[in-house]
Amino acid sequence: MKIIQIPRRFVIDEWGGSETFVTETSLRLNARGLSSEIMTTTALCDVEDEEYQGIHIRRFPYFYPYLGLSSDAKFQLDKKAGNLFSFSLLRALRKEKDIDIIHLNTGKRLGSIGRYVAKKRGIPYVISLHGGKLTVPKGEVSTWTEPTKGSFEWGKLLGFLYGSRKVLDDAAAIICVGRDEYTAISRSYPNKKVVYLPNGVDLDKFAGGDGPWFRKLYKIPEDRFLTLTVARIDPQKNQLALVRQLPDILAKAPNVHLLCIGNVTNQQYYEEVLKEIALQKLEDHITIIPGLPYDSKDLINAYKAADCFVLPSLHEPFGMVVLEAWAAGLPVAASKRGGLPYIINHEKNGLLFDPEAPARFSGSMKDAILTMALEKDTCEAYAKAGFDEATSKYSWDMITDSLIKIYEEVNEDTIRK
């Protein structure tokens, strides 16, 4: 069986959940004798043909169908949620030999290319929803189109010709990584194969690491209680609220140190975070690393250097980094939003908090972090329960087994038709 995976982009230095899913499942699909290749765009990477860990990647030129779009706006769209199109990818897919399944890891115009080719070739396609298709807050959605203001969009014609609005309608299966997403899609498509398939974690990878070396490299004192968050630096991820609550945390636990790692997808927001750190005079208690590649040893070392993990997102379809933290043996505190309450059992394998609650309110992220910092036995119990959860439910081998079953089912359904 030959599977073509289509993400919007695939860039080692701009890694996200969809890239992890595509890579980890492709590695295991290939190991099981199937063939999984990546066809994507040159967004943020102009290397057109390469291999990554033995996975063949082909990238194709693309464009945004807007008149008057600035280069800065294009760059911001490349960074996050840009609705692009590629005739080169369309032609390559039509010529590609022996495709059995197209697996879309994006929708919109690029997804419509996969839909169009699959229908022309009479093969099934499935789509994975990595971003909360029906559950993203309206405020966040509006930020996706912010860079296009002042330009004229002509891409609706492409959407009409290739069926961008029908990508979900015609999919052989819709795969949801978040439980709330699965519920919403199931209601919208009651007669379609909708599958809940969570993300996974490489347990062996995150079990290692050199914490003391990492602390020394980034000049983080050994006696600090290191609170790690790994997420894009973006309003959705809510690092600013974490910074604003840090003074209240330090008032009761003065050894807490915040470590933020993530690619910058909103430069204005990043500058706002830095300004707040300076205003509150928190430079000695915060370390920000604006991006580490997913395969970086420093990222693994950061997990091992940390004492706890916090994820303050305003919206989170799943929260793969929670699994990584559990695999590294860390206790976790996270927002009571999106898919997170479905994987974290409050006060059993971690803590949930209201990401918008002020520090003075009960149930704030301040309270959660103080519990982690001041109650050692509780922390250790949460860490053990989280590790057991990750081991029993979320290994990538288990996720890939389920994915293969989906492929086999949609292939059989196509043959019967």
Protein backbone atom coordinates (compact mmCIF):
# COMPACT_ATOMS: atom_id res chain seq x y z
CA MET A 1 0.00 0.00 0.00
CA LYS A 2 1.35 3.41 -0.98
CA ILE A 3 0.22 6.42 1.04
CA ILE A 4 0.89 10.04 0.13
CA GLN A 5 0.85 12.34 3.16
CA ILE A 6 0.03 15.99 2.39
CA PRO A 7 0.72 18.54 5.13
CA ARG A 8 0.57 22.29 4.43
CA ARG A 9 4.31 22.49 5.02
CA PHE A 10 7.07 20.29 6.44
CA VAL A 11 9.94 22.21 8.02
CA ILE A 12 12.25 20.84 10.68
CA ASP A 13 12.79 24.24 12.32
CA GLU A 14 9.07 25.13 12.35
CA TRP A 15 7.75 21.93 13.85
CA GLY A 16 4.19 21.36 15.04
CA GLY A 17 1.73 18.62 15.85
CA SER A 18 0.91 17.74 12.25
CA GLU A 19 4.59 17.34 11.37
CA THR A 20 5.06 15.04 14.34
CA PHE A 21 2.05 12.93 13.38
CA VAL A 22 3.18 12.63 9.75
CA THR A 23 6.75 11.74 10.70
CA GLU A 24 6.07 9.27 13.49
CA THR A 25 3.35 7.38 11.60
CA SER A 26 5.32 7.39 8.34
CA LEU A 27 8.36 5.89 10.08
CA ARG A 28 6.24 3.06 11.44
CA LEU A 29 4.22 2.55 8.27
CA ASN A 30 7.44 2.15 6.30
CA ALA A 31 8.83 -0.22 8.93
CA ARG A 32 5.73 -2.40 8.53
CA GLY A 33 6.26 -2.74 4.78
CA LEU A 34 3.89 -0.01 3.62
CA SER A 35 5.12 3.07 1.76
CA SER A 36 4.43 6.52 3.18
CA GLU A 37 5.81 9.57 1.41
CA ILE A 38 5.35 13.30 2.00
CA MET A 39 4.31 15.74 -0.71
CA THR A 40 4.00 19.34 0.44
CA THR A 41 4.87 22.94 -0.44
CA THR A 42 8.07 24.96 -0.26
CA ALA A 43 6.59 27.18 2.47
CA LEU A 44 9.51 28.15 4.75
CA CYS A 45 11.76 25.58 3.06
CA ASP A 46 12.83 25.63 -0.60
CA VAL A 47 14.55 22.21 -0.64
CA GLU A 48 12.42 20.41 -3.20
CA ASP A 49 13.61 16.82 -2.74
CA GLU A 50 15.13 15.26 0.37
CA GLU A 51 14.85 12.49 2.92
CA TYR A 52 14.19 12.85 6.62
CA GLN A 53 14.89 9.75 8.71
CA GLY A 54 14.36 7.67 5.56
CA ILE A 55 11.04 9.34 4.63
CA HIS A 56 10.96 10.74 1.10
CA ILE A 57 9.84 14.39 1.03
CA ARG A 58 8.98 16.38 -2.08
CA ARG A 59 8.13 20.07 -1.93
CA PHE A 60 6.46 22.12 -4.63
CA PRO A 61 6.21 25.86 -5.38
CA TYR A 62 3.03 27.51 -4.16
CA PHE A 63 1.28 30.88 -4.04
CA TYR A 64 -1.37 32.79 -2.11
CA PRO A 65 -4.22 33.93 -4.38
CA TYR A 66 -4.26 37.54 -3.24
CA LEU A 67 -3.43 40.75 -5.09
CA GLY A 68 -1.36 43.25 -3.17
CA LEU A 69 -0.06 40.79 -0.56
CA SER A 70 3.17 42.02 1.00
CA SER A 71 6.21 39.80 1.57
CA ASP A 72 5.81 40.24 5.35
CA ALA A 73 2.18 39.14 5.11
CA LYS A 74 3.17 36.10 3.05
CA PHE A 75 5.77 35.18 5.66
CA GLN A 76 3.16 35.39 8.44
CA LEU A 77 0.80 33.20 6.41
CA ASP A 78 3.60 30.69 5.91
CA LYS A 79 4.10 30.64 9.66
CA LYS A 80 0.50 29.98 10.55
CA ALA A 81 -2.65 28.83 8.75
CA GLY A 82 -1.99 30.38 5.33
CA ASN A 83 -4.54 29.24 2.72
CA LEU A 84 -2.20 28.48 -0.16
CA PHE A 85 -2.38 26.62 -3.50
CA SER A 86 0.09 24.75 -5.71
CA PHE A 87 -0.45 23.82 -9.35
CA SER A 88 2.92 22.02 -9.27
CA LEU A 89 1.70 19.72 -6.50
CA LEU A 90 -1.55 19.14 -8.38
CA ARG A 91 0.31 18.05 -11.51
CA ALA A 92 2.73 15.85 -9.56
CA LEU A 93 -0.10 14.07 -7.75
CA ARG A 94 -1.90 13.38 -11.01
CA LYS A 95 1.27 11.83 -12.49
CA GLU A 96 2.37 9.88 -9.38
CA LYS A 97 2.25 6.13 -9.90
CA ASP A 98 0.45 3.53 -7.80
CA ILE A 99 -1.10 5.70 -5.09
CA ASP A 100 -3.50 3.74 -2.90
CA ILE A 101 -4.49 6.44 -0.39
CA ILE A 102 -4.04 10.19 -0.08
CA HIS A 103 -3.83 11.30 3.54
CA LEU A 104 -4.52 15.00 3.92
CA ASN A 105 -3.10 16.72 6.98
CA THR A 106 -4.53 20.05 5.91
CA GLY A 107 -7.79 21.29 4.49
CA LYS A 108 -8.70 24.46 2.62
CA ARG A 109 -7.20 24.96 -0.86
CA LEU A 110 -4.32 22.55 -0.46
CA GLY A 111 -6.71 19.93 0.82
CA SER A 112 -8.87 20.49 -2.25
CA ILE A 113 -5.95 19.40 -4.43
CA GLY A 114 -5.88 16.02 -2.69
CA ARG A 115 -9.65 15.74 -2.98
CA TYR A 116 -9.63 16.61 -6.69
CA VAL A 117 -6.87 14.15 -7.57
CA ALA A 118 -8.36 11.33 -5.47
CA LYS A 119 -11.72 11.68 -7.22
CA LYS A 120 -10.11 11.81 -10.65
CA ARG A 121 -8.07 8.69 -9.92
CA GLY A 122 -10.86 6.82 -8.15
CA ILE A 123 -8.89 6.31 -4.94
CA PRO A 124 -9.88 7.15 -1.35
CA TYR A 125 -8.54 10.00 0.69
CA VAL A 126 -8.70 10.59 4.41
CA ILE A 127 -8.14 13.81 6.32
CA SER A 128 -6.67 14.36 9.77
CA LEU A 129 -7.87 17.45 11.61
CA HIS A 130 -4.98 18.73 13.69
CA GLY A 131 -6.28 22.19 14.51
CA GLY A 132 -9.79 21.87 15.86
CA LYS A 133 -11.79 22.46 12.67
CA LEU A 134 -15.13 23.16 14.37
CA THR A 135 -13.86 24.07 17.84
CA VAL A 136 -11.39 26.92 17.26
CA PRO A 137 -12.46 30.14 19.03
CA LYS A 138 -13.62 32.88 16.65
CA GLY A 139 -11.02 35.26 18.00
CA GLU A 140 -8.24 32.90 17.01
CA VAL A 141 -9.68 32.27 13.55
CA SER A 142 -9.67 36.00 12.86
CA THR A 143 -5.90 36.13 13.47
CA TRP A 144 -5.36 33.65 10.64
CA THR A 145 -6.63 36.12 8.03
CA GLU A 146 -5.19 39.25 9.65
CA PRO A 147 -2.14 39.36 7.27
CA THR A 148 -4.42 39.46 4.20
CA LYS A 149 -6.15 42.71 5.17
CA GLY A 150 -5.76 45.34 2.47
CA SER A 151 -5.27 42.77 -0.31
CA PHE A 152 -7.76 41.41 -2.84
CA GLU A 153 -8.53 37.69 -2.72
CA TRP A 154 -9.19 35.94 -6.01
CA GLY A 155 -8.75 32.41 -4.65
CA LYS A 156 -12.45 31.71 -4.29
CA LEU A 157 -12.38 30.70 -7.95
CA LEU A 158 -9.81 28.00 -7.11
CA GLY A 159 -11.96 26.86 -4.23
CA PHE A 160 -14.92 26.53 -6.56
CA LEU A 161 -12.99 24.66 -9.27
CA TYR A 162 -11.29 22.15 -6.98
CA GLY A 163 -13.87 21.86 -4.21
CA SER A 164 -12.21 23.33 -1.12
CA ARG A 165 -15.57 23.45 0.65
CA LYS A 166 -16.15 19.75 -0.07
CA VAL A 167 -12.94 18.36 1.40
CA LEU A 168 -14.68 16.98 4.49
CA ASP A 169 -17.84 16.05 2.59
CA ASP A 170 -16.07 13.69 0.21
CA ALA A 171 -13.41 12.23 2.53
CA ALA A 172 -13.50 8.47 3.02
CA ALA A 173 -12.72 9.07 6.69
CA ILE A 174 -12.25 12.09 8.95
CA ILE A 175 -9.66 11.54 11.66
CA CYS A 176 -9.87 13.74 14.76
CA VAL A 177 -7.01 14.09 17.24
CA GLY A 178 -9.17 15.82 19.85
CA ARG A 179 -12.19 14.36 21.61
CA ASP A 180 -14.24 17.57 21.47
CA GLU A 181 -13.36 17.86 17.80
CA TYR A 182 -14.53 14.29 17.26
CA THR A 183 -17.85 15.08 18.93
CA ALA A 184 -18.40 18.21 16.84
CA ILE A 185 -17.50 16.51 13.54
CA SER A 186 -19.64 13.46 14.33
CA ARG A 187 -22.64 15.73 14.79
CA SER A 188 -21.98 17.56 11.53
CA TYR A 189 -21.35 14.33 9.57
CA PRO A 190 -23.58 11.66 11.16
CA ASN A 191 -23.39 9.34 8.12
CA LYS A 192 -19.63 9.51 7.61
CA LYS A 193 -16.73 7.49 9.02
CA VAL A 194 -15.43 9.80 11.76
CA VAL A 195 -12.64 8.37 13.91
CA TYR A 196 -11.07 9.57 17.13
CA LEU A 197 -7.34 8.88 16.82
CA PRO A 198 -5.24 10.77 19.36
CA ASN A 199 -1.64 11.75 18.89
CA GLY A 200 1.10 9.63 20.36
CA VAL A 201 4.54 9.89 21.89
CA ASP A 202 7.91 8.24 21.36
CA LEU A 203 8.39 6.84 24.85
CA ASP A 204 12.04 5.87 24.39
CA LYS A 205 13.00 9.26 22.98
CA PHE A 206 11.70 11.29 25.90
CA ALA A 207 12.96 8.88 28.55
CA GLY A 208 16.52 10.12 28.01
CA GLY A 209 18.21 13.49 28.24
CA ASP A 210 20.83 15.36 30.28
CA GLY A 211 19.11 17.85 32.58
CA PRO A 212 22.17 19.17 34.46
CA TRP A 213 23.96 19.85 31.16
CA PHE A 214 20.96 21.81 29.86
CA ARG A 215 20.76 23.95 33.01
CA LYS A 216 24.45 24.71 32.78
CA LEU A 217 24.18 25.60 29.07
CA TYR A 218 21.35 28.08 29.65
CA LYS A 219 22.62 29.33 33.02
CA ILE A 220 19.63 28.11 35.03
CA PRO A 221 20.65 27.64 38.70
CA GLU A 222 20.47 24.10 40.05
CA ASP A 223 18.29 25.14 43.00
CA ARG A 224 15.50 26.58 40.81
CA PHE A 225 12.18 24.78 40.48
CA LEU A 226 12.09 24.71 36.69
CA THR A 227 8.63 25.04 35.17
CA LEU A 228 8.69 24.17 31.47
CA THR A 229 6.23 25.09 28.73
CA VAL A 230 6.73 23.98 25.13
CA ALA A 231 4.46 25.69 22.62
CA ARG A 232 4.47 28.14 19.75
CA ILE A 233 4.93 31.70 20.98
CA ASP A 234 1.50 32.86 19.94
CA PRO A 235 -1.60 34.37 21.63
CA GLN A 236 -3.31 30.96 21.47
CA LYS A 237 -0.63 29.48 23.73
CA ASN A 238 -1.08 32.20 26.36
CA GLN A 239 2.51 32.58 27.61
CA LEU A 240 1.77 36.21 28.44
CA ALA A 241 -0.72 35.24 31.17
CA LEU A 242 1.87 32.89 32.63
CA VAL A 243 4.41 35.71 32.79
CA ARG A 244 1.86 38.02 34.42
CA GLN A 245 1.10 35.50 37.16
CA LEU A 246 4.75 34.73 37.88
CA PRO A 247 5.21 37.55 40.47
CA ASP A 248 2.37 36.08 42.57
CA ILE A 249 3.97 32.65 42.25
CA LEU A 250 7.38 33.96 43.31
CA ALA A 251 5.86 35.61 46.36
CA LYS A 252 5.20 32.12 47.79
CA ALA A 253 7.80 30.05 45.94
CA PRO A 254 10.79 32.31 45.18
CA ASN A 255 12.84 29.52 43.59
CA VAL A 256 10.44 29.01 40.63
CA HIS A 257 11.99 29.57 37.22
CA LEU A 258 9.98 29.61 33.98
CA LEU A 259 11.39 28.06 30.80
CA CYS A 260 9.47 28.81 27.57
CA ILE A 261 10.44 26.97 24.37
CA GLY A 262 8.65 27.51 21.08
CA ASN A 263 8.84 28.88 17.57
CA VAL A 264 7.63 32.45 17.19
CA THR A 265 4.50 32.50 15.03
CA ASN A 266 3.39 35.98 16.10
CA GLN A 267 6.26 38.48 16.35
CA GLN A 268 4.12 41.23 17.86
CA TYR A 269 2.97 38.90 20.62
CA TYR A 270 6.55 37.77 21.30
CA GLU A 271 7.63 41.37 21.71
CA GLU A 272 4.71 41.94 24.08
CA VAL A 273 5.87 39.00 26.20
CA LEU A 274 9.43 40.37 26.33
CA LYS A 275 8.12 43.82 27.26
CA GLU A 276 6.07 42.36 30.12
CA ILE A 277 9.10 40.45 31.42
CA ALA A 278 11.12 43.67 31.48
CA LEU A 279 8.27 45.64 33.06
CA GLN A 280 7.91 43.11 35.89
CA LYS A 281 11.73 42.78 36.23
CA LEU A 282 11.51 39.00 35.80
CA GLU A 283 14.60 38.48 33.64
CA ASP A 284 16.32 36.45 36.38
CA HIS A 285 13.40 34.00 36.62
CA ILE A 286 12.50 33.43 32.96
CA THR A 287 14.40 31.79 30.13
CA ILE A 288 12.91 31.96 26.62
CA ILE A 289 14.26 29.85 23.78
CA PRO A 290 12.46 30.87 20.56
CA GLY A 291 12.42 27.48 18.94
CA LEU A 292 14.25 24.17 19.09
CA PRO A 293 13.93 21.60 16.29
CA TYR A 294 11.83 18.56 17.17
CA ASP A 295 14.86 16.29 16.72
CA SER A 296 17.12 18.53 18.82
CA LYS A 297 18.84 16.89 21.78
CA ASP A 298 18.42 20.18 23.62
CA LEU A 299 14.64 19.71 23.56
CA ILE A 300 14.96 16.29 25.19
CA ASN A 301 17.44 17.72 27.69
CA ALA A 302 15.00 20.54 28.51
CA TYR A 303 12.32 18.04 29.54
CA LYS A 304 14.84 16.21 31.69
CA ALA A 305 16.02 19.49 33.28
CA ALA A 306 12.49 20.53 34.25
CA ASP A 307 10.68 19.83 37.52
CA CYS A 308 7.18 20.23 36.11
CA PHE A 309 5.37 21.05 32.88
CA VAL A 310 2.64 23.66 32.34
CA LEU A 311 0.50 24.31 29.25
CA PRO A 312 -1.58 27.52 29.59
CA SER A 313 -3.24 27.46 26.12
CA LEU A 314 -6.50 29.25 25.46
CA HIS A 315 -7.32 26.58 22.88
CA GLU A 316 -5.65 23.17 22.43
CA PRO A 317 -7.14 20.46 20.17
CA PHE A 318 -5.05 17.76 21.82
CA GLY A 319 -1.81 18.76 23.56
CA MET A 320 0.90 16.38 22.32
CA VAL A 321 3.47 18.08 24.56
CA VAL A 322 1.59 16.76 27.58
CA LEU A 323 2.41 13.22 26.43
CA GLU A 324 6.05 14.21 25.94
CA ALA A 325 6.18 15.62 29.47
CA TRP A 326 4.62 12.45 30.88
CA ALA A 327 7.09 10.30 28.94
CA ALA A 328 9.89 12.38 30.48
CA GLY A 329 8.51 11.69 33.94
CA LEU A 330 7.17 15.18 34.66
CA PRO A 331 4.03 16.19 36.55
CA VAL A 332 1.71 18.25 34.34
CA ALA A 333 -0.64 21.20 34.84
CA ALA A 334 -2.67 22.39 31.85
CA SER A 335 -5.62 24.49 30.74
CA LYS A 336 -9.10 23.15 31.13
CA ARG A 337 -9.68 23.77 27.41
CA GLY A 338 -10.11 21.87 24.17
CA GLY A 339 -8.86 18.30 24.22
CA LEU A 340 -6.79 18.61 27.40
CA PRO A 341 -9.52 17.60 29.89
CA TYR A 342 -9.95 14.36 27.93
CA ILE A 343 -6.38 13.24 28.51
CA ILE A 344 -5.72 14.80 31.94
CA ASN A 345 -7.74 13.47 34.86
CA HIS A 346 -7.74 16.35 37.34
CA GLU A 347 -5.91 15.54 40.58
CA LYS A 348 -5.28 11.99 39.33
CA ASN A 349 -2.59 12.27 36.66
CA GLY A 350 -2.24 16.06 36.64
CA LEU A 351 -3.93 19.37 37.32
CA LEU A 352 -6.34 21.41 35.21
CA PHE A 353 -6.83 25.16 35.59
CA ASP A 354 -8.75 28.04 34.04
CA PRO A 355 -6.19 29.80 31.80
CA GLU A 356 -8.04 33.12 32.04
CA ALA A 357 -8.56 33.14 35.82
CA PRO A 358 -6.60 35.95 37.54
CA ALA A 359 -3.95 34.86 40.02
CA ARG A 360 -6.14 35.87 42.98
CA PHE A 361 -8.87 33.42 41.97
CA SER A 362 -9.02 29.78 43.03
CA GLY A 363 -8.27 27.40 40.17
CA SER A 364 -5.79 29.73 38.46
CA MET A 365 -2.55 28.59 36.85
CA LYS A 366 -0.79 30.23 39.81
CA ASP A 367 -2.48 27.77 42.16
CA ALA A 368 -1.56 24.82 39.94
CA ILE A 369 2.10 25.79 39.70
CA LEU A 370 2.35 26.42 43.44
CA THR A 371 0.93 22.96 44.08
CA MET A 372 3.65 21.52 41.84
CA ALA A 373 6.38 23.60 43.49
CA LEU A 374 5.37 23.10 47.12
CA GLU A 375 3.84 19.62 47.32
CA LYS A 376 6.56 17.18 46.34
CA ASP A 377 4.67 13.96 47.10
CA THR A 378 1.66 15.13 45.11
CA CYS A 379 3.94 15.99 42.19
CA GLU A 380 5.53 12.56 42.21
CA ALA A 381 2.13 10.83 42.24
CA TYR A 382 0.91 12.88 39.26
CA ALA A 383 4.13 12.19 37.36
CA LYS A 384 3.86 8.42 37.88
CA ALA A 385 0.18 8.34 36.92
CA GLY A 386 0.91 10.42 33.82
CA PHE A 387 3.75 8.17 32.75
CA ASP A 388 1.51 5.11 33.15
CA GLU A 389 -1.18 6.84 31.06
CA ALA A 390 1.24 7.65 28.25
CA THR A 391 2.65 4.12 28.25
CA SER A 392 -0.69 2.33 28.21
CA LYS A 393 -2.58 4.47 25.68
CA TYR A 394 -0.40 6.73 23.59
CA SER A 395 2.61 5.00 22.06
CA TRP A 396 3.06 5.80 18.37
CA ASP A 397 3.12 2.07 17.62
CA MET A 398 -0.43 1.75 18.94
CA ILE A 399 -1.57 4.84 17.03
CA THR A 400 -0.04 3.54 13.80
CA ASP A 401 -1.77 0.17 14.20
CA SER A 402 -5.09 1.99 14.42
CA LEU A 403 -4.21 4.14 11.39
CA ILE A 404 -3.45 1.07 9.28
CA LYS A 405 -6.85 -0.33 10.19
CA ILE A 406 -8.48 2.90 8.94
CA TYR A 407 -6.56 2.67 5.66
CA GLU A 408 -7.61 -0.94 5.17
CA GLU A 409 -11.27 -0.15 5.88
CA VAL A 410 -11.48 2.77 3.44
CA ASN A 411 -9.73 0.72 0.77
CA GLU A 412 -12.25 -2.08 1.21
CA ASP A 413 -15.13 0.41 1.12
CA THR A 414 -13.79 1.86 -2.14
CA ILE A 415 -13.50 -1.58 -3.73
CA ARG A 416 -17.07 -2.47 -2.74
CA LYS A 417 -18.36 0.71 -4.37
